[in-house]
């Protein structure tokens, strides 16, 4: 598994290159307490969007086991985490409105 420093180096190397260059970023990147999973990288401006996910060990996350054992509790925890992530991401990125598009991160 590659490290976050290797990801930083890769991003600097491909900065401002065409979409296909970013395909090399697919894979798992370790950030110590969590893993960034880049599952799909957008191939061109009109292709399906990139897909990313994160993995955190349950001991590191610190949520009680009851939070994910039952399906309804897991759904509630996932909803909570996604809302928190969205709020935090919004502090660093602004949502740009493109004509005819729902929006994209900048």
Protein backbone atom coordinates (compact mmCIF):
# COMPACT_ATOMS: atom_id res chain seq x y z
CA UNK A 1 0.00 0.00 0.00
CA UNK A 2 1.27 3.43 -0.89
CA UNK A 3 1.66 6.26 1.62
CA UNK A 4 0.11 9.70 1.77
CA UNK A 5 3.51 11.20 0.92
CA UNK A 6 3.64 9.09 -2.24
CA UNK A 7 0.16 10.38 -3.13
CA UNK A 8 1.33 13.96 -2.60
CA UNK A 9 4.33 13.34 -4.87
CA UNK A 10 2.12 11.72 -7.53
CA UNK A 11 -0.34 14.62 -7.43
CA UNK A 12 2.44 17.15 -7.88
CA UNK A 13 3.86 15.16 -10.79
CA UNK A 14 0.57 15.06 -12.70
CA UNK A 15 -0.73 18.53 -11.77
CA UNK A 16 -2.38 20.24 -14.77
CA UNK A 17 -2.03 17.17 -16.98
CA UNK A 18 -4.90 15.62 -18.91
CA UNK A 19 -7.55 13.40 -17.32
CA UNK A 20 -5.91 10.06 -18.25
CA UNK A 21 -2.81 10.95 -16.18
CA UNK A 22 -4.93 10.87 -13.03
CA UNK A 23 -5.88 7.22 -13.60
CA UNK A 24 -2.54 6.29 -12.02
CA UNK A 25 -3.92 7.43 -8.65
CA UNK A 26 -6.35 4.51 -8.39
CA UNK A 27 -5.62 2.26 -5.43
CA UNK A 28 -5.26 2.41 -1.66
CA UNK A 29 -3.28 5.12 0.12
CA UNK A 30 -2.37 4.91 3.81
CA UNK A 31 -2.71 8.02 5.94
CA UNK A 32 -1.80 6.30 9.20
CA UNK A 33 -5.12 6.19 11.01
CA UNK A 34 -7.18 5.75 7.86
CA UNK A 35 -6.91 4.49 4.28
CA UNK A 36 -8.07 6.49 1.27
CA UNK A 37 -9.46 4.19 -1.42
CA UNK A 38 -9.50 5.70 -4.91
CA UNK A 39 -11.75 3.21 -6.65
CA UNK A 40 -12.42 4.94 -9.96
CA UNK A 41 -10.83 7.99 -11.57
CA UNK A 42 -12.83 10.07 -14.04
CA UNK A 43 -11.41 9.46 -17.52
CA UNK A 44 -12.62 12.65 -19.22
CA UNK A 45 -14.89 15.62 -18.46
CA UNK A 46 -18.00 13.75 -19.60
CA UNK A 47 -17.25 10.37 -18.00
CA UNK A 48 -18.65 9.01 -14.76
CA UNK A 49 -17.26 10.93 -11.76
CA UNK A 50 -14.39 9.66 -9.66
CA UNK A 51 -15.28 7.42 -6.72
CA UNK A 52 -13.42 7.50 -3.43
CA UNK A 53 -14.00 5.96 -0.03
CA UNK A 54 -12.23 5.84 3.28
CA UNK A 55 -11.55 3.01 5.69
CA UNK A 56 -10.99 3.46 9.41
CA UNK A 57 -10.36 0.63 11.86
CA UNK A 58 -13.25 0.30 14.33
CA UNK A 59 -10.90 0.68 17.32
CA UNK A 60 -9.49 3.89 15.85
CA UNK A 61 -12.96 5.26 15.08
CA UNK A 62 -14.07 4.58 18.65
CA UNK A 63 -17.77 4.08 17.95
CA UNK A 64 -19.51 1.53 20.18
CA UNK A 65 -20.17 -1.84 18.53
CA UNK A 66 -23.92 -1.23 18.85
CA UNK A 67 -23.57 1.59 16.30
CA UNK A 68 -22.98 -0.81 13.42
CA UNK A 69 -24.27 -4.24 14.49
CA UNK A 70 -27.91 -3.67 13.52
CA UNK A 71 -28.64 -2.53 9.94
CA UNK A 72 -30.69 0.49 11.07
CA UNK A 73 -27.94 1.60 13.46
CA UNK A 74 -25.35 1.23 10.71
CA UNK A 75 -27.48 3.35 8.38
CA UNK A 76 -27.80 6.03 11.07
CA UNK A 77 -24.04 6.01 11.71
CA UNK A 78 -23.26 6.20 7.98
CA UNK A 79 -25.71 9.09 7.60
CA UNK A 80 -24.12 10.93 10.54
CA UNK A 81 -20.59 10.41 9.21
CA UNK A 82 -21.48 11.52 5.66
CA UNK A 83 -23.18 14.67 6.96
CA UNK A 84 -20.17 15.51 9.12
CA UNK A 85 -17.82 14.86 6.21
CA UNK A 86 -19.92 17.10 3.96
CA UNK A 87 -19.82 19.95 6.48
CA UNK A 88 -16.06 19.64 6.95
CA UNK A 89 -15.40 19.39 3.20
CA UNK A 90 -17.53 22.48 2.69
CA UNK A 91 -15.08 24.43 4.82
CA UNK A 92 -12.30 23.74 2.32
CA UNK A 93 -14.12 23.65 -1.01
CA UNK A 94 -16.90 25.68 -2.49
CA UNK A 95 -19.62 24.22 -4.65
CA UNK A 96 -19.47 25.74 -8.12
CA UNK A 97 -22.54 25.75 -10.30
CA UNK A 98 -21.91 24.86 -13.91
CA UNK A 99 -24.57 25.49 -16.58
CA UNK A 100 -26.77 22.43 -16.98
CA UNK A 101 -24.94 20.55 -14.22
CA UNK A 102 -25.90 19.91 -10.61
CA UNK A 103 -22.55 21.26 -9.44
CA UNK A 104 -18.99 20.24 -8.91
CA UNK A 105 -16.30 20.72 -6.27
CA UNK A 106 -13.60 23.28 -6.93
